[in-house]
Amino acid sequence: MTGKRVAACRAGLEALFPIARDLCPDGFPAEETRELDAVRGQVSFGFVDGLRSEVSERAGIPREWLSLDRFTVHGCGPISLHDDRHNYPGVHFLIIVVHSGRLGVVDAKSRARRHAPGDILLLDPHKKHALVPEGLTAREHPYERTHSPVMREEDQFMFACFDVLRPLLRDWFGAKGRAGAGTLPAA
């Protein structure tokens, strides 16, 4: 978590969730994340550029690292503890929550708290993480073997994402740490 949240773009983000439920009713599967291309097609360049600017300002990450070509929209249901190192070896995820229902991102030790629309999360896909109902730890959440679509809104999670190249953030975190400015904690 970064502890940061977008404000100006929040209403636009919240408007995407009903569109996703309409265009992609099966777009929120348990135990996997699905890219919602039909929803991405509904998002204007101007909105994405504005979101990029606000995320950059709020999170303190250089705007040019948030490539418009690396912007995606995703849906999922609860997901057990895992890492995505093999699928995403070269990036960090800068996630902006669209809808969280009752779900929260956790590591192997933390207890889930739901996220607000507009929350900015920096997620290292090389580290273990899960998306589980509020109040649970990753260990307390059972694996859902069928990977079926999740239909209840409170169990659906939707987010926008900018993939940020790992070397940029690694060097940036190192420079910030050496300068005593601290770092954004990664979820």
Protein backbone atom coordinates (compact mmCIF):
# COMPACT_ATOMS: atom_id res chain seq x y z
CA MET A 1 0.00 0.00 0.00
CA THR A 2 1.14 3.52 -0.59
CA GLY A 3 -1.31 5.23 1.72
CA LYS A 4 -2.17 7.51 -1.21
CA ARG A 5 -5.46 7.92 -3.08
CA VAL A 6 -6.55 9.74 -6.22
CA ALA A 7 -9.33 12.28 -5.74
CA ALA A 8 -9.97 14.09 -9.02
CA CYS A 9 -10.25 10.85 -11.01
CA ARG A 10 -12.20 8.90 -8.38
CA ALA A 11 -15.67 9.46 -9.88
CA GLY A 12 -14.43 8.34 -13.30
CA LEU A 13 -12.95 5.19 -11.77
CA GLU A 14 -16.14 4.37 -9.88
CA ALA A 15 -18.15 4.75 -13.10
CA LEU A 16 -16.15 1.88 -14.65
CA PHE A 17 -17.45 -0.81 -12.30
CA PRO A 18 -21.08 -0.89 -13.55
CA ILE A 19 -19.75 -0.83 -17.11
CA ALA A 20 -17.57 -3.85 -16.33
CA ARG A 21 -20.45 -5.76 -14.75
CA ASP A 22 -22.52 -5.09 -17.87
CA LEU A 23 -19.87 -5.74 -20.55
CA CYS A 24 -17.92 -8.49 -18.74
CA PRO A 25 -20.29 -10.36 -16.41
CA ASP A 26 -17.83 -13.27 -16.19
CA GLY A 27 -14.83 -10.95 -15.83
CA PHE A 28 -14.37 -11.50 -12.10
CA PRO A 29 -13.14 -15.08 -11.68
CA ALA A 30 -11.94 -16.54 -8.40
CA GLU A 31 -8.22 -17.28 -8.20
CA GLU A 32 -7.22 -15.36 -11.31
CA THR A 33 -7.11 -11.85 -12.71
CA ARG A 34 -8.75 -11.19 -16.04
CA GLU A 35 -7.92 -8.24 -18.28
CA LEU A 36 -11.16 -6.41 -19.15
CA ASP A 37 -10.43 -5.31 -22.72
CA ALA A 38 -14.05 -4.33 -23.40
CA VAL A 39 -13.94 -1.91 -20.47
CA ARG A 40 -10.52 -0.57 -21.48
CA GLY A 41 -12.11 0.27 -24.82
CA GLN A 42 -14.60 2.52 -23.00
CA VAL A 43 -11.88 4.56 -21.27
CA SER A 44 -10.80 7.74 -23.03
CA PHE A 45 -7.19 8.72 -23.60
CA GLY A 46 -7.87 11.94 -21.71
CA PHE A 47 -9.06 10.07 -18.64
CA VAL A 48 -6.05 7.72 -18.65
CA ASP A 49 -3.68 10.65 -19.09
CA GLY A 50 -5.36 12.54 -16.25
CA LEU A 51 -5.21 9.45 -14.04
CA ARG A 52 -1.53 9.06 -14.88
CA SER A 53 -0.86 12.66 -13.87
CA GLU A 54 -2.75 12.37 -10.61
CA VAL A 55 -1.16 9.04 -9.67
CA SER A 56 2.28 10.48 -10.43
CA GLU A 57 1.62 13.53 -8.27
CA ARG A 58 0.06 11.61 -5.37
CA ALA A 59 2.54 8.71 -5.31
CA GLY A 60 5.59 10.78 -6.23
CA ILE A 61 6.56 8.50 -9.11
CA PRO A 62 7.80 10.21 -12.28
CA ARG A 63 4.94 10.56 -14.78
CA GLU A 64 7.00 9.24 -17.69
CA TRP A 65 7.34 5.87 -15.92
CA LEU A 66 3.57 5.41 -16.16
CA SER A 67 3.36 4.51 -19.83
CA LEU A 68 -0.02 4.81 -21.52
CA ASP A 69 0.94 1.65 -23.43
CA ARG A 70 1.22 -0.22 -20.13
CA PHE A 71 -2.22 0.79 -18.82
CA THR A 72 -4.75 -2.01 -18.32
CA VAL A 73 -8.05 -2.66 -16.53
CA HIS A 74 -8.63 -5.92 -14.62
CA GLY A 75 -11.27 -7.81 -12.71
CA CYS A 76 -11.03 -10.73 -10.30
CA GLY A 77 -12.55 -12.39 -7.29
CA PRO A 78 -10.71 -13.52 -4.16
CA ILE A 79 -7.25 -14.97 -4.85
CA SER A 80 -5.15 -17.17 -2.57
CA LEU A 81 -1.52 -16.50 -1.69
CA HIS A 82 0.73 -16.59 -4.76
CA ASP A 83 3.37 -14.65 -6.64
CA ASP A 84 3.47 -13.64 -10.30
CA ARG A 85 7.23 -13.72 -10.79
CA HIS A 86 7.06 -16.12 -13.76
CA ASN A 87 4.38 -14.11 -15.63
CA TYR A 88 5.71 -10.61 -14.85
CA PRO A 89 9.47 -10.79 -14.38
CA GLY A 90 10.25 -7.20 -15.36
CA VAL A 91 7.63 -4.99 -13.72
CA HIS A 92 5.98 -3.71 -10.56
CA PHE A 93 2.23 -3.09 -10.62
CA LEU A 94 0.97 0.38 -9.78
CA ILE A 95 -2.68 -0.42 -9.06
CA ILE A 96 -5.52 2.06 -8.71
CA VAL A 97 -8.56 0.50 -7.06
CA VAL A 98 -11.83 0.88 -8.97
CA HIS A 99 -13.98 -1.36 -6.75
CA SER A 100 -12.91 -3.58 -3.87
CA GLY A 101 -16.14 -4.94 -2.43
CA ARG A 102 -15.10 -6.46 0.88
CA LEU A 103 -11.66 -7.53 -0.38
CA GLY A 104 -8.16 -6.41 0.51
CA VAL A 105 -4.64 -7.13 -0.73
CA VAL A 106 -2.44 -8.87 1.84
CA ASP A 107 0.98 -10.43 2.12
CA ALA A 108 1.68 -13.71 3.92
CA LYS A 109 1.29 -12.14 7.37
CA SER A 110 -1.19 -9.26 7.22
CA ARG A 111 -4.95 -9.19 7.77
CA ALA A 112 -7.15 -7.84 4.94
CA ARG A 113 -8.76 -4.43 5.04
CA ARG A 114 -10.99 -3.34 2.17
CA HIS A 115 -9.70 -0.67 -0.15
CA ALA A 116 -11.46 2.54 -1.16
CA PRO A 117 -11.94 3.49 -4.81
CA GLY A 118 -8.89 5.47 -5.89
CA ASP A 119 -6.47 3.81 -3.46
CA ILE A 120 -3.01 3.52 -5.03
CA LEU A 121 -1.24 0.23 -4.37
CA LEU A 122 2.31 -0.59 -5.36
CA LEU A 123 2.54 -4.35 -5.74
CA ASP A 124 5.71 -6.32 -6.33
CA PRO A 125 4.60 -9.39 -8.32
CA HIS A 126 7.75 -11.22 -7.18
CA LYS A 127 6.50 -11.25 -3.58
CA LYS A 128 3.71 -13.42 -2.20
CA HIS A 129 0.35 -11.65 -2.10
CA ALA A 130 -3.35 -12.50 -1.95
CA LEU A 131 -6.73 -10.81 -2.29
CA VAL A 132 -9.00 -12.00 0.49
CA PRO A 133 -12.15 -10.93 2.36
CA GLU A 134 -11.77 -8.23 4.98
CA GLY A 135 -10.58 -9.53 8.33
CA LEU A 136 -8.90 -12.65 6.98
CA THR A 137 -5.25 -13.51 6.48
CA ALA A 138 -4.07 -15.30 3.35
CA ARG A 139 -3.76 -18.53 5.34
CA GLU A 140 -7.39 -18.30 6.49
CA HIS A 141 -8.73 -17.96 2.94
CA PRO A 142 -9.50 -21.30 1.22
CA TYR A 143 -8.36 -21.87 -2.36
CA GLU A 144 -11.30 -21.90 -4.82
CA ARG A 145 -10.55 -24.82 -7.16
CA THR A 146 -13.13 -24.16 -9.88
CA HIS A 147 -11.93 -20.65 -10.82
CA SER A 148 -15.60 -19.86 -11.43
CA PRO A 149 -16.84 -16.33 -12.04
CA VAL A 150 -17.70 -14.51 -8.83
CA MET A 151 -21.10 -12.84 -9.20
CA ARG A 152 -21.63 -11.03 -5.88
CA GLU A 153 -20.41 -7.41 -5.98
CA GLU A 154 -18.88 -7.65 -2.53
CA ASP A 155 -16.60 -10.46 -3.75
CA GLN A 156 -15.54 -8.67 -6.94
CA PHE A 157 -12.37 -6.60 -7.22
CA MET A 158 -11.61 -4.25 -10.10
CA PHE A 159 -8.54 -2.15 -10.70
CA ALA A 160 -6.67 -0.08 -13.24
CA CYS A 161 -2.96 -0.75 -13.53
CA PHE A 162 0.22 0.78 -14.88
CA ASP A 163 3.08 -1.71 -15.20
CA VAL A 164 6.27 0.06 -14.12
CA LEU A 165 9.63 -1.34 -15.16
CA ARG A 166 11.46 -2.92 -12.19
CA PRO A 167 14.85 -1.28 -12.83
CA LEU A 168 13.28 2.20 -12.69
CA LEU A 169 11.70 1.62 -9.30
CA ARG A 170 14.66 -0.29 -7.91
CA ASP A 171 17.02 2.59 -8.69
CA TRP A 172 14.43 5.17 -7.56
CA PHE A 173 13.83 3.43 -4.23
CA GLY A 174 17.59 3.15 -3.72
CA ALA A 175 18.13 6.85 -4.41
CA LYS A 176 15.21 7.86 -2.17
CA GLY A 177 16.50 5.62 0.63
CA ARG A 178 20.05 7.00 0.36
CA ALA A 179 18.66 10.54 0.44
CA GLY A 180 16.72 9.75 3.61
CA ALA A 181 13.41 10.48 1.91
CA GLY A 182 11.96 7.04 2.59
CA THR A 183 10.17 4.80 0.18
CA LEU A 184 6.67 3.79 -0.73
CA PRO A 185 5.90 0.53 1.04
CA ALA A 186 4.98 -2.25 -1.39
CA ALA A 187 1.93 -4.40 -0.72
